[in-house]
Amino acid sequence: MAGAEAGGGGDTGLPDGRPGAATRVKSGPGQMVAGWAEGPRHEDKLSVCSKLCYAIGGAPNQVASSATAFFLQIYLLEIAQITPFHASLVLFVGKACGAVADPVAGFFISKSKWTKIGRLMPWMLGCTPFIIVSYFFLWYLPPFIAGRVVWYLAFYCLFQALTTLFLVPYCALTMFLSTDQKDRESATAYRITVEVLGTLIGAALQGQIVASAHASDHCSQNSTVDFLNSSSLQQNSSSLLSLAHGRNVYMIAAGVIGGIYLVSTVVLFLGVQEKDDPYALSSDKTVPFFKGLRLTMKYGPYMKLTASFLLISTAVQLEQGNFVLFCTHTAGLRSHFQNLVMTILVSAVLSMPFWQWFLQHFGKKEAACGISWMIPFVIMLVTIPNLIVAYVVAFVSGLSIAASLLLPWSMLPDVVDHFRLQNPDSTGHETIFYSSYVFFTKMSAGIGLGISASSLEFVGYESGACRQSDSVVAMLKVLVGGVPAGLIFLGLFILLFYPINKNSQKETKYALERLRQTHPITENLNENEENTWV
């Protein structure tokens, strides 16, 4: 009888397809208010299995991002053999396409109807096959030479745009796993840990599979002799064999990572249930997208957080994008770069539980101090480029990178909750916060990587050469040491003015709980709600 009453009746759902108020809470006559006050707490309690499945769903994006961050630039320069300027064009325009896609994705996702599997899940499922195809062709070496720049530009732009359509709903899904702040923080910690593990897997797979393409015999054999002593026929033959081998190993790596995408998305779909936040029913009108965008851009805590980690993430991207080139051409560690990359990421994975414990006990702003640890060690590597120093720097850099990955995604839900409390009549803004944040970080990373590759062009980088000029060596030192250090210092300085601390988080949590438990349920909700998207 109770099930029939919940399934029938006049109030069966909201206009966007979500379950209506009566549908969600009625378990019998006279029990509506009690169900509203008590039900969400029990239903929203996340199991370890759900947290793991949610975390696994985001792993392939980090696997692919790790592979592209560490290896795409050197692939374009040494395997595809396009000029540094064209490589910078591919990196910048690709990142820009992904950045522009973020607010567009946020707009269309916020307009989505609620379905049987949720509002966000259909976007993630629909994007995955196209992401796999675009990623594979990103690492394919076409037989023609004249149009290679257009080829890589097209597929990198497509890949970035498609991953955005996956990443925006996936990140916003955090707000719809549970209404409990501790559950959300725990799910975020699971997610970031698995994503860092995914970063490790991506770098390990890509590094171990393609290492032979960048440690070829012709470079090691001619390191002590002049290349001009070899015949042109031998040089051409060695170069062709090296390119063919590089093409094959990069395609193998792309196929393996494409398989990880498929498996992880299936796990996400089967193991995670998207839940609508009861707090969203406290308003009879959803915030228009462009009004919500204006509100978020004027919201002080959000802008301070975004500006800070925009600079920090750009610093990390610059270090990742140039680290392999630095090891190959500056530090003389051509045969060790894949192990150094693994050291960075193993350190990041192992330190993630420590950072989660630290931010829970001492605060999230205080945990940001760990990001600065890498600065003196990176400068040490630039000035003393030897193997032992390189491994020490790789280990400490992993600690800092773990903190830089965990903190923004742990702090964004706090900003969203704080915004909800101050704007109780605005709902449906979660995807706006997340898509705008990803937009700014992608755009800044694209600009940084574009300037980085253009700088190499300016100082005379030669694609495919085993040795580079002194000016290229000096520029790589600046891109790996000086520029990231300055960006991190500036980002941490801005974070000092971020107003949300541990005490304000508790106050916000209790205030929202009172709103969720005491707000009256309206049976005529779907009569008052209007379409106010534009």
Protein backbone atom coordinates (compact mmCIF):
# COMPACT_ATOMS: atom_id res chain seq x y z
CA MET A 1 0.00 0.00 0.00
CA ALA A 2 2.80 2.38 0.90
CA GLY A 3 4.62 1.56 -2.32
CA ALA A 4 1.48 2.13 -4.36
CA GLU A 5 0.88 5.46 -2.69
CA ALA A 6 4.45 6.55 -3.38
CA GLY A 7 4.24 5.45 -6.99
CA GLY A 8 0.84 6.94 -7.74
CA GLY A 9 -0.96 10.15 -6.97
CA GLY A 10 -0.89 13.56 -8.54
CA ASP A 11 2.61 14.68 -7.43
CA THR A 12 4.78 12.20 -9.25
CA GLY A 13 7.73 14.37 -10.17
CA LEU A 14 9.23 17.74 -10.92
CA PRO A 15 9.18 19.26 -14.41
CA ASP A 16 12.82 18.25 -15.02
CA GLY A 17 12.00 14.62 -14.31
CA ARG A 18 13.28 14.46 -10.72
CA PRO A 19 11.15 12.68 -8.15
CA GLY A 20 8.72 15.09 -6.59
CA ALA A 21 8.57 15.96 -2.92
CA ALA A 22 5.74 13.63 -2.09
CA THR A 23 7.23 10.83 -4.11
CA ARG A 24 10.55 11.06 -2.34
CA VAL A 25 9.34 11.11 1.23
CA LYS A 26 5.95 9.49 1.57
CA SER A 27 6.03 6.06 3.13
CA GLY A 28 2.51 6.12 4.45
CA PRO A 29 -0.23 8.47 5.55
CA GLY A 30 0.90 11.08 8.02
CA GLN A 31 4.58 10.17 7.73
CA MET A 32 5.70 12.74 5.16
CA VAL A 33 7.48 15.18 7.47
CA ALA A 34 9.15 12.46 9.49
CA GLY A 35 10.38 10.80 6.33
CA TRP A 36 11.81 14.08 5.15
CA ALA A 37 13.66 14.70 8.38
CA GLU A 38 15.01 11.19 8.87
CA GLY A 39 15.12 9.57 5.44
CA PRO A 40 17.96 11.44 3.75
CA ARG A 41 20.41 10.66 6.55
CA HIS A 42 19.94 6.92 6.15
CA GLU A 43 19.66 6.87 2.36
CA ASP A 44 22.60 9.18 1.74
CA LYS A 45 25.07 7.18 3.82
CA LEU A 46 27.64 6.05 1.29
CA SER A 47 29.13 2.58 1.38
CA VAL A 48 32.81 1.92 0.77
CA CYS A 49 31.84 0.10 -2.42
CA SER A 50 29.98 3.15 -3.78
CA LYS A 51 32.93 5.42 -2.96
CA LEU A 52 35.34 3.07 -4.72
CA CYS A 53 33.14 2.78 -7.80
CA TYR A 54 32.79 6.56 -7.92
CA ALA A 55 36.55 6.95 -7.61
CA ILE A 56 37.28 4.35 -10.29
CA GLY A 57 34.99 6.20 -12.69
CA GLY A 58 37.30 9.20 -12.73
CA ALA A 59 40.54 7.24 -13.04
CA PRO A 60 40.71 7.03 -16.88
CA ASN A 61 40.64 10.82 -17.23
CA GLN A 62 43.70 11.02 -15.00
CA VAL A 63 45.37 8.12 -16.80
CA ALA A 64 44.97 9.92 -20.13
CA SER A 65 45.79 13.34 -18.65
CA SER A 66 48.99 11.96 -17.13
CA ALA A 67 50.04 10.42 -20.43
CA THR A 68 49.38 13.64 -22.37
CA ALA A 69 50.90 15.89 -19.70
CA PHE A 70 54.21 14.04 -19.59
CA PHE A 71 54.51 12.74 -23.15
CA LEU A 72 52.37 14.66 -25.67
CA GLN A 73 54.81 17.53 -26.12
CA ILE A 74 57.82 15.27 -26.64
CA TYR A 75 55.73 13.02 -28.93
CA LEU A 76 54.79 15.97 -31.13
CA LEU A 77 58.38 17.19 -31.27
CA GLU A 78 60.29 13.93 -31.68
CA ILE A 79 57.87 11.37 -33.18
CA ALA A 80 55.47 13.52 -35.20
CA GLN A 81 58.40 15.93 -35.76
CA ILE A 82 56.37 19.10 -36.02
CA THR A 83 58.00 22.40 -35.09
CA PRO A 84 57.88 23.74 -31.50
CA PHE A 85 55.64 26.58 -32.71
CA HIS A 86 53.13 24.13 -34.19
CA ALA A 87 53.37 22.00 -31.05
CA SER A 88 52.57 25.08 -28.95
CA LEU A 89 49.62 25.78 -31.25
CA VAL A 90 48.27 22.25 -30.78
CA LEU A 91 48.69 22.38 -26.98
CA PHE A 92 47.19 25.84 -26.56
CA VAL A 93 44.25 25.52 -28.94
CA GLY A 94 43.43 22.04 -27.61
CA LYS A 95 43.38 23.27 -24.02
CA ALA A 96 41.40 26.34 -25.09
CA CYS A 97 38.77 24.12 -26.76
CA GLY A 98 38.46 22.11 -23.57
CA ALA A 99 38.20 25.31 -21.55
CA VAL A 100 35.51 26.82 -23.77
CA ALA A 101 33.60 23.55 -23.63
CA ASP A 102 33.38 23.77 -19.82
CA PRO A 103 30.80 26.56 -19.46
CA VAL A 104 28.97 25.22 -22.54
CA ALA A 105 28.83 21.78 -20.92
CA GLY A 106 27.70 23.34 -17.64
CA PHE A 107 24.88 25.16 -19.44
CA PHE A 108 23.51 22.12 -21.27
CA ILE A 109 23.99 19.75 -18.34
CA SER A 110 22.13 22.12 -16.04
CA LYS A 111 19.21 22.01 -18.51
CA SER A 112 19.16 18.22 -18.59
CA LYS A 113 16.05 16.34 -17.56
CA TRP A 114 16.15 13.87 -14.72
CA THR A 115 16.20 10.30 -16.07
CA LYS A 116 15.95 6.85 -14.52
CA ILE A 117 19.73 6.80 -14.12
CA GLY A 118 20.03 10.42 -13.00
CA ARG A 119 20.72 13.77 -14.61
CA LEU A 120 24.51 13.54 -14.87
CA MET A 121 25.13 9.85 -15.60
CA PRO A 122 23.78 9.88 -19.21
CA TRP A 123 26.38 12.48 -20.19
CA MET A 124 29.24 10.36 -18.87
CA LEU A 125 28.00 7.20 -20.55
CA GLY A 126 27.36 8.92 -23.88
CA CYS A 127 30.78 10.56 -24.10
CA THR A 128 32.96 7.55 -23.33
CA PRO A 129 32.99 5.78 -26.76
CA PHE A 130 33.86 9.02 -28.56
CA ILE A 131 36.58 9.83 -26.01
CA ILE A 132 38.22 6.45 -26.67
CA VAL A 133 38.24 6.97 -30.44
CA SER A 134 39.58 10.53 -30.28
CA TYR A 135 42.29 9.54 -27.78
CA PHE A 136 43.53 6.69 -29.98
CA PHE A 137 43.83 8.89 -33.08
CA LEU A 138 45.60 11.57 -31.04
CA TRP A 139 48.57 9.17 -30.82
CA TYR A 140 48.33 7.91 -34.40
CA LEU A 141 51.08 9.02 -36.78
CA PRO A 142 49.40 9.76 -40.14
CA PRO A 143 51.30 8.80 -43.31
CA PHE A 144 51.19 12.35 -44.68
CA ILE A 145 53.45 15.13 -43.43
CA ALA A 146 51.90 18.38 -44.68
CA GLY A 147 48.65 18.01 -42.73
CA ARG A 148 49.97 16.56 -39.46
CA VAL A 149 49.49 19.79 -37.55
CA VAL A 150 45.82 19.93 -38.57
CA TRP A 151 45.42 16.23 -37.68
CA TYR A 152 46.75 16.59 -34.12
CA LEU A 153 45.01 19.92 -33.64
CA ALA A 154 41.64 18.41 -34.62
CA PHE A 155 41.91 15.29 -32.46
CA TYR A 156 43.38 17.07 -29.44
CA CYS A 157 40.57 19.64 -29.56
CA LEU A 158 38.00 16.86 -29.91
CA PHE A 159 39.54 14.87 -27.07
CA GLN A 160 39.63 17.90 -24.76
CA ALA A 161 36.02 18.86 -25.53
CA LEU A 162 34.74 15.31 -25.00
CA THR A 163 36.61 14.81 -21.74
CA THR A 164 35.05 18.07 -20.57
CA LEU A 165 31.59 16.65 -21.23
CA PHE A 166 32.60 13.73 -19.02
CA LEU A 167 34.51 15.64 -16.35
CA VAL A 168 31.97 18.38 -15.59
CA PRO A 169 29.10 16.03 -14.64
CA TYR A 170 31.53 13.66 -12.93
CA CYS A 171 32.92 16.40 -10.67
CA ALA A 172 29.45 17.80 -9.97
CA LEU A 173 28.29 14.29 -9.05
CA THR A 174 30.08 14.77 -5.71
CA MET A 175 27.23 17.02 -4.60
CA PHE A 176 24.66 14.34 -5.48
CA LEU A 177 26.24 11.35 -3.76
CA SER A 178 25.19 12.44 -0.27
CA THR A 179 24.04 15.48 1.70
CA ASP A 180 26.49 14.64 4.49
CA GLN A 181 29.66 16.72 4.34
CA LYS A 182 31.85 13.96 5.79
CA ASP A 183 30.56 11.48 3.22
CA ARG A 184 31.30 13.92 0.41
CA GLU A 185 34.78 14.65 1.75
CA SER A 186 35.43 10.93 2.13
CA ALA A 187 34.22 10.27 -1.43
CA THR A 188 36.44 13.12 -2.66
CA ALA A 189 39.43 11.59 -0.84
CA TYR A 190 38.68 8.19 -2.43
CA ARG A 191 38.34 9.85 -5.80
CA ILE A 192 41.55 11.87 -5.57
CA THR A 193 43.50 8.86 -4.28
CA VAL A 194 42.32 6.68 -7.16
CA GLU A 195 42.88 9.52 -9.62
CA VAL A 196 46.46 9.91 -8.41
CA LEU A 197 46.79 6.15 -8.74
CA GLY A 198 45.37 6.57 -12.25
CA THR A 199 47.97 9.24 -12.90
CA LEU A 200 50.60 6.76 -11.75
CA ILE A 201 49.18 4.03 -13.97
CA GLY A 202 49.02 6.38 -16.95
CA ALA A 203 52.60 7.57 -16.54
CA ALA A 204 53.83 4.04 -15.80
CA LEU A 205 52.08 2.48 -18.79
CA GLN A 206 53.02 5.26 -21.17
CA GLY A 207 56.54 5.61 -19.79
CA GLN A 208 57.42 1.93 -19.82
CA ILE A 209 55.83 1.28 -23.22
CA VAL A 210 57.28 4.27 -25.04
CA ALA A 211 60.62 4.63 -23.22
CA SER A 212 62.47 2.81 -26.00
CA ALA A 213 61.27 5.41 -28.50
CA HIS A 214 63.24 8.13 -26.67
CA ALA A 215 66.31 6.13 -25.68
CA SER A 216 67.17 4.95 -29.18
CA ASP A 217 70.51 3.46 -30.07
CA HIS A 218 71.51 6.15 -32.52
CA CYS A 219 71.50 8.82 -29.78
CA SER A 220 73.46 6.78 -27.26
CA GLN A 221 75.98 5.56 -29.82
CA ASN A 222 76.66 9.03 -31.15
CA SER A 223 76.76 10.86 -27.85
CA THR A 224 80.57 11.02 -27.95
CA VAL A 225 81.09 11.43 -31.69
CA ASP A 226 80.01 13.93 -34.27
CA PHE A 227 76.94 12.99 -36.27
CA LEU A 228 78.56 14.40 -39.38
CA ASN A 229 80.95 11.43 -39.44
CA SER A 230 78.07 9.08 -40.24
CA SER A 231 76.79 8.63 -43.73
CA SER A 232 73.50 10.27 -44.65
CA LEU A 233 72.12 6.85 -45.62
CA GLN A 234 72.80 5.45 -42.14
CA GLN A 235 71.23 8.51 -40.53
CA ASN A 236 68.09 8.28 -42.66
CA SER A 237 67.75 4.53 -42.08
CA SER A 238 68.16 4.92 -38.32
CA SER A 239 65.69 7.80 -38.27
CA LEU A 240 63.03 5.89 -40.21
CA LEU A 241 63.37 2.81 -38.00
CA SER A 242 63.15 5.00 -34.89
CA LEU A 243 60.01 6.75 -36.15
CA ALA A 244 58.32 3.46 -37.06
CA HIS A 245 59.13 2.01 -33.65
CA GLY A 246 57.94 5.16 -31.89
CA ARG A 247 54.69 5.15 -33.85
CA ASN A 248 53.97 1.55 -32.90
CA VAL A 249 54.69 1.84 -29.18
CA TYR A 250 52.63 5.02 -28.82
CA MET A 251 49.64 3.36 -30.52
CA ILE A 252 49.92 0.34 -28.21
CA ALA A 253 49.88 2.65 -25.19
CA ALA A 254 46.84 4.51 -26.58
CA GLY A 255 44.93 1.24 -27.05
CA VAL A 256 45.63 0.11 -23.47
CA ILE A 257 44.46 3.43 -22.01
CA GLY A 258 41.34 3.33 -24.20
CA GLY A 259 40.48 -0.04 -22.64
CA ILE A 260 40.84 1.47 -19.17
CA TYR A 261 38.29 4.14 -20.14
CA LEU A 262 35.74 1.52 -21.09
CA VAL A 263 36.13 -0.66 -17.99
CA SER A 264 36.10 2.27 -15.54
CA THR A 265 32.94 3.80 -17.01
CA VAL A 266 31.11 0.48 -16.69
CA VAL A 267 32.18 0.27 -13.02
CA LEU A 268 30.94 3.83 -12.41
CA PHE A 269 27.55 3.09 -13.97
CA LEU A 270 27.01 -0.16 -12.08
CA GLY A 271 28.31 0.99 -8.69
CA VAL A 272 27.08 4.58 -8.21
CA GLN A 273 23.55 5.86 -7.71
CA GLU A 274 22.97 9.54 -8.35
CA LYS A 275 20.74 11.12 -5.69
CA ASP A 276 19.00 14.45 -5.80
CA ASP A 277 19.83 16.72 -2.86
CA PRO A 278 16.70 17.35 -0.74
CA TYR A 279 17.95 20.88 -0.16
CA ALA A 280 17.38 21.59 -3.85
CA LEU A 281 13.64 21.28 -3.20
CA SER A 282 13.66 24.19 -0.77
CA SER A 283 13.20 26.66 -3.61
CA ASP A 284 10.37 26.74 -6.11
CA LYS A 285 12.58 28.11 -8.89
CA THR A 286 15.88 27.02 -10.41
CA VAL A 287 18.49 29.71 -10.95
CA PRO A 288 18.92 30.74 -14.61
CA PHE A 289 22.29 29.65 -15.98
CA PHE A 290 23.64 33.09 -16.91
CA LYS A 291 22.40 34.62 -13.68
CA GLY A 292 24.09 31.79 -11.79
CA LEU A 293 27.29 32.39 -13.77
CA ARG A 294 27.25 36.06 -12.81
CA LEU A 295 26.66 35.16 -9.17
CA THR A 296 29.58 32.73 -9.11
CA MET A 297 31.93 35.20 -10.79
CA LYS A 298 31.08 37.79 -8.13
CA TYR A 299 31.40 35.33 -5.24
CA GLY A 300 34.58 36.21 -3.36
CA PRO A 301 35.55 32.83 -1.81
CA TYR A 302 35.12 31.09 -5.16
CA MET A 303 37.21 33.61 -7.09
CA LYS A 304 40.03 33.53 -4.52
CA LEU A 305 40.09 29.73 -4.57
CA THR A 306 40.00 29.63 -8.37
CA ALA A 307 42.72 32.27 -8.82
CA SER A 308 45.01 30.52 -6.36
CA PHE A 309 44.78 27.03 -7.82
CA LEU A 310 44.74 28.40 -11.36
CA LEU A 311 48.32 29.54 -10.79
CA ILE A 312 49.32 26.42 -8.88
CA SER A 313 47.88 24.03 -11.47
CA THR A 314 49.64 25.96 -14.25
CA ALA A 315 52.93 25.51 -12.38
CA VAL A 316 52.33 21.76 -12.07
CA GLN A 317 51.37 21.51 -15.76
CA LEU A 318 54.54 23.34 -16.80
CA GLU A 319 56.69 21.01 -14.73
CA GLN A 320 54.95 17.91 -16.05
CA GLY A 321 55.02 19.07 -19.66
CA ASN A 322 58.74 19.89 -19.65
CA PHE A 323 60.09 17.30 -17.19
CA VAL A 324 60.79 14.60 -19.78
CA LEU A 325 62.45 17.14 -22.09
CA PHE A 326 64.50 18.42 -19.14
CA CYS A 327 65.67 14.91 -18.22
CA THR A 328 66.48 14.13 -21.85
CA HIS A 329 68.31 17.27 -22.94
CA THR A 330 69.43 19.11 -19.78
CA ALA A 331 70.08 16.70 -16.91
CA GLY A 332 71.53 13.88 -19.02
CA LEU A 333 68.99 11.40 -17.60
CA ARG A 334 67.55 10.16 -20.89
CA SER A 335 67.47 6.53 -19.70
CA HIS A 336 65.98 7.35 -16.28
CA PHE A 337 63.06 9.67 -17.04
CA GLN A 338 60.35 6.97 -16.90
CA ASN A 339 61.57 5.86 -13.44
CA LEU A 340 61.69 9.45 -12.22
CA VAL A 341 58.13 10.02 -13.41
CA MET A 342 57.05 6.87 -11.55
CA THR A 343 58.82 8.09 -8.40
CA ILE A 344 56.85 11.35 -8.52
CA LEU A 345 53.54 9.56 -8.84
CA VAL A 346 54.24 6.75 -6.33
CA SER A 347 55.13 9.45 -3.81
CA ALA A 348 51.88 11.27 -4.60
CA VAL A 349 49.78 8.12 -4.17
CA LEU A 350 51.43 7.11 -0.88
CA SER A 351 51.11 10.62 0.59
CA MET A 352 47.42 11.04 -0.23
CA PRO A 353 46.11 9.44 3.03
CA PHE A 354 48.47 11.70 4.99
CA TRP A 355 47.13 14.83 3.31
CA GLN A 356 43.53 13.69 3.88
CA TRP A 357 44.30 13.19 7.58
CA PHE A 358 46.12 16.53 7.76
CA LEU A 359 43.35 18.63 6.23
CA GLN A 360 40.71 17.00 8.46
CA HIS A 361 42.67 17.65 11.66
CA PHE A 362 44.42 20.94 10.93
CA GLY A 363 42.40 22.55 8.13
CA LYS A 364 42.52 22.79 4.37
CA LYS A 365 44.26 26.15 4.11
CA GLU A 366 46.98 24.87 6.43
CA ALA A 367 47.50 21.82 4.22
CA ALA A 368 48.33 24.11 1.31
CA CYS A 369 51.77 24.70 2.82
CA GLY A 370 52.76 21.28 1.49
CA ILE A 371 52.51 22.56 -2.08
CA SER A 372 55.50 24.83 -1.48
CA TRP A 373 57.80 21.94 -0.49
CA MET A 374 58.74 21.23 -4.10
CA ILE A 375 60.12 24.70 -4.80
CA PRO A 376 63.59 24.47 -3.15
CA PHE A 377 64.12 20.93 -4.38
CA VAL A 378 63.23 21.74 -8.00
CA ILE A 379 65.65 24.67 -7.91
CA MET A 380 68.27 22.29 -6.52
CA LEU A 381 67.72 19.91 -9.46
CA VAL A 382 68.11 22.75 -11.94
CA THR A 383 71.39 23.84 -10.37
CA ILE A 384 72.75 20.35 -9.52
CA PRO A 385 71.39 18.00 -12.23
CA ASN A 386 72.55 14.55 -11.07
CA LEU A 387 70.75 11.25 -10.57
CA ILE A 388 70.54 11.18 -6.75
CA VAL A 389 69.24 14.76 -6.55
CA ALA A 390 66.74 13.95 -9.30
CA TYR A 391 65.20 11.09 -7.31
CA VAL A 392 65.00 13.20 -4.14
CA VAL A 393 63.33 15.99 -6.09
CA ALA A 394 60.93 13.51 -7.70
CA PHE A 395 59.88 12.17 -4.28
CA VAL A 396 59.28 15.63 -2.74
CA SER A 397 57.52 16.85 -5.87
CA GLY A 398 55.11 13.94 -5.53
CA LEU A 399 54.19 15.08 -2.02
CA SER A 400 53.45 18.59 -3.26
CA ILE A 401 51.53 17.43 -6.32
CA ALA A 402 49.30 15.23 -4.12
CA ALA A 403 48.38 18.25 -2.00
CA SER A 404 47.71 20.38 -5.09
CA LEU A 405 45.40 17.69 -6.50
CA LEU A 406 43.44 16.99 -3.32
CA LEU A 407 42.88 20.49 -1.96
CA PRO A 408 40.87 22.28 -4.67
CA TRP A 409 38.38 19.42 -5.05
CA SER A 410 38.02 19.19 -1.26
CA MET A 411 37.48 22.94 -0.96
CA LEU A 412 35.02 23.39 -3.85
CA PRO A 413 32.12 21.60 -2.05
CA ASP A 414 32.69 23.94 0.92
CA VAL A 415 32.38 26.95 -1.40
CA VAL A 416 29.19 25.54 -2.95
CA ASP A 417 27.64 24.93 0.47
CA HIS A 418 28.66 28.40 1.65
CA PHE A 419 27.07 29.88 -1.47
CA ARG A 420 23.88 27.85 -0.88
CA LEU A 421 23.57 29.22 2.63
CA GLN A 422 23.98 32.82 1.51
CA ASN A 423 21.73 32.36 -1.55
CA PRO A 424 18.93 30.04 -0.39
CA ASP A 425 16.72 30.93 -3.37
CA SER A 426 19.34 29.85 -5.95
CA THR A 427 19.50 26.20 -6.93
CA GLY A 428 21.01 24.19 -9.76
CA HIS A 429 24.33 26.04 -9.61
CA GLU A 430 26.61 23.08 -8.83
CA THR A 431 27.65 22.43 -12.43
CA ILE A 432 28.28 26.17 -12.90
CA PHE A 433 30.85 26.21 -10.09
CA TYR A 434 32.62 23.09 -11.30
CA SER A 435 32.56 23.90 -15.03
CA SER A 436 33.82 27.46 -14.42
CA TYR A 437 36.66 26.21 -12.25
CA VAL A 438 37.76 23.65 -14.84
CA PHE A 439 37.44 26.32 -17.55
CA PHE A 440 39.89 28.65 -15.82
CA THR A 441 42.40 25.95 -14.94
CA LYS A 442 42.37 24.49 -18.47
CA MET A 443 42.71 27.89 -20.09
CA SER A 444 45.62 28.85 -17.85
CA ALA A 445 47.32 25.49 -18.47
CA GLY A 446 46.84 25.93 -22.22
CA ILE A 447 48.36 29.39 -22.14
CA GLY A 448 51.26 28.15 -20.01
CA LEU A 449 52.03 25.16 -22.23
CA GLY A 450 51.65 27.25 -25.37
CA ILE A 451 54.11 29.86 -24.10
CA SER A 452 56.42 27.04 -22.98
CA ALA A 453 56.60 25.41 -26.41
CA SER A 454 56.87 28.81 -28.13
CA SER A 455 59.79 29.65 -25.87
CA LEU A 456 61.58 26.51 -27.04
CA GLU A 457 60.95 27.57 -30.65
CA PHE A 458 62.35 31.01 -29.88
CA VAL A 459 65.64 29.64 -28.47
CA GLY A 460 66.13 27.23 -31.37
CA TYR A 461 64.84 23.80 -30.32
CA GLU A 462 65.45 21.23 -33.11
CA SER A 463 62.84 18.46 -33.41
CA GLY A 464 64.35 14.97 -33.38
CA ALA A 465 67.87 16.12 -32.49
CA CYS A 466 69.80 14.16 -29.87
CA ARG A 467 71.56 17.27 -28.62
CA GLN A 468 70.15 20.75 -28.13
CA SER A 469 71.90 24.11 -27.91
CA ASP A 470 72.92 25.78 -24.64
CA SER A 471 70.07 28.28 -24.98
CA VAL A 472 67.54 25.43 -25.15
CA VAL A 473 69.13 23.85 -22.06
CA ALA A 474 68.88 27.16 -20.18
CA MET A 475 65.24 27.65 -21.23
CA LEU A 476 64.31 24.16 -19.99
CA LYS A 477 65.84 25.01 -16.61
CA VAL A 478 63.71 28.14 -16.42
CA LEU A 479 60.53 26.26 -17.44
CA VAL A 480 61.07 23.48 -14.89
CA GLY A 481 62.47 25.56 -12.03
CA GLY A 482 62.01 29.31 -12.06
CA VAL A 483 58.56 29.76 -13.59
CA PRO A 484 56.74 27.06 -11.53
CA ALA A 485 58.32 28.39 -8.31
CA GLY A 486 57.05 31.91 -8.99
CA LEU A 487 53.53 30.73 -9.88
CA ILE A 488 53.27 28.58 -6.74
CA PHE A 489 54.39 31.44 -4.48
CA LEU A 490 51.82 33.79 -6.03
CA GLY A 491 49.04 31.18 -5.80
CA LEU A 492 49.72 30.50 -2.11
CA PHE A 493 49.77 34.23 -1.40
CA ILE A 494 46.27 34.62 -2.89
CA LEU A 495 45.07 31.62 -0.86
CA LEU A 496 45.93 33.48 2.35
CA PHE A 497 42.84 35.66 1.70
CA TYR A 498 40.47 32.69 1.23
CA PRO A 499 37.85 33.23 3.98
CA ILE A 500 36.40 29.73 4.59
CA ASN A 501 38.10 27.95 7.47
CA LYS A 502 37.39 24.93 9.66
CA ASN A 503 35.01 26.81 11.98
CA SER A 504 32.98 28.37 9.18
CA GLN A 505 32.67 24.92 7.55
CA LYS A 506 31.05 23.57 10.72
CA GLU A 507 28.68 26.52 10.95
CA THR A 508 27.65 26.11 7.31
CA LYS A 509 27.10 22.38 7.77
CA TYR A 510 24.80 22.83 10.77
CA ALA A 511 22.88 25.65 9.10
CA LEU A 512 22.24 23.55 5.97
CA GLU A 513 21.19 20.56 8.09
CA ARG A 514 18.60 22.73 9.82
CA LEU A 515 17.32 23.90 6.43
CA ARG A 516 17.06 20.34 5.16
CA GLN A 517 15.26 19.06 8.25
CA THR A 518 12.91 21.95 9.01
CA HIS A 519 11.97 23.34 5.60
CA PRO A 520 8.27 22.66 4.90
CA ILE A 521 7.40 20.28 2.07
CA THR A 522 5.29 21.79 -0.68
CA GLU A 523 2.95 19.54 -2.59
CA ASN A 524 2.43 22.09 -5.36
CA LEU A 525 6.11 22.40 -6.18
CA ASN A 526 5.72 21.43 -9.81
CA GLU A 527 2.96 23.98 -10.28
CA ASN A 528 5.20 26.86 -9.22
CA GLU A 529 8.41 25.84 -10.96
CA GLU A 530 8.98 27.56 -14.28
CA ASN A 531 11.44 27.16 -17.08
CA THR A 532 13.96 29.95 -16.32
CA TRP A 533 17.09 28.76 -18.05
CA VAL A 534 17.71 31.70 -20.39
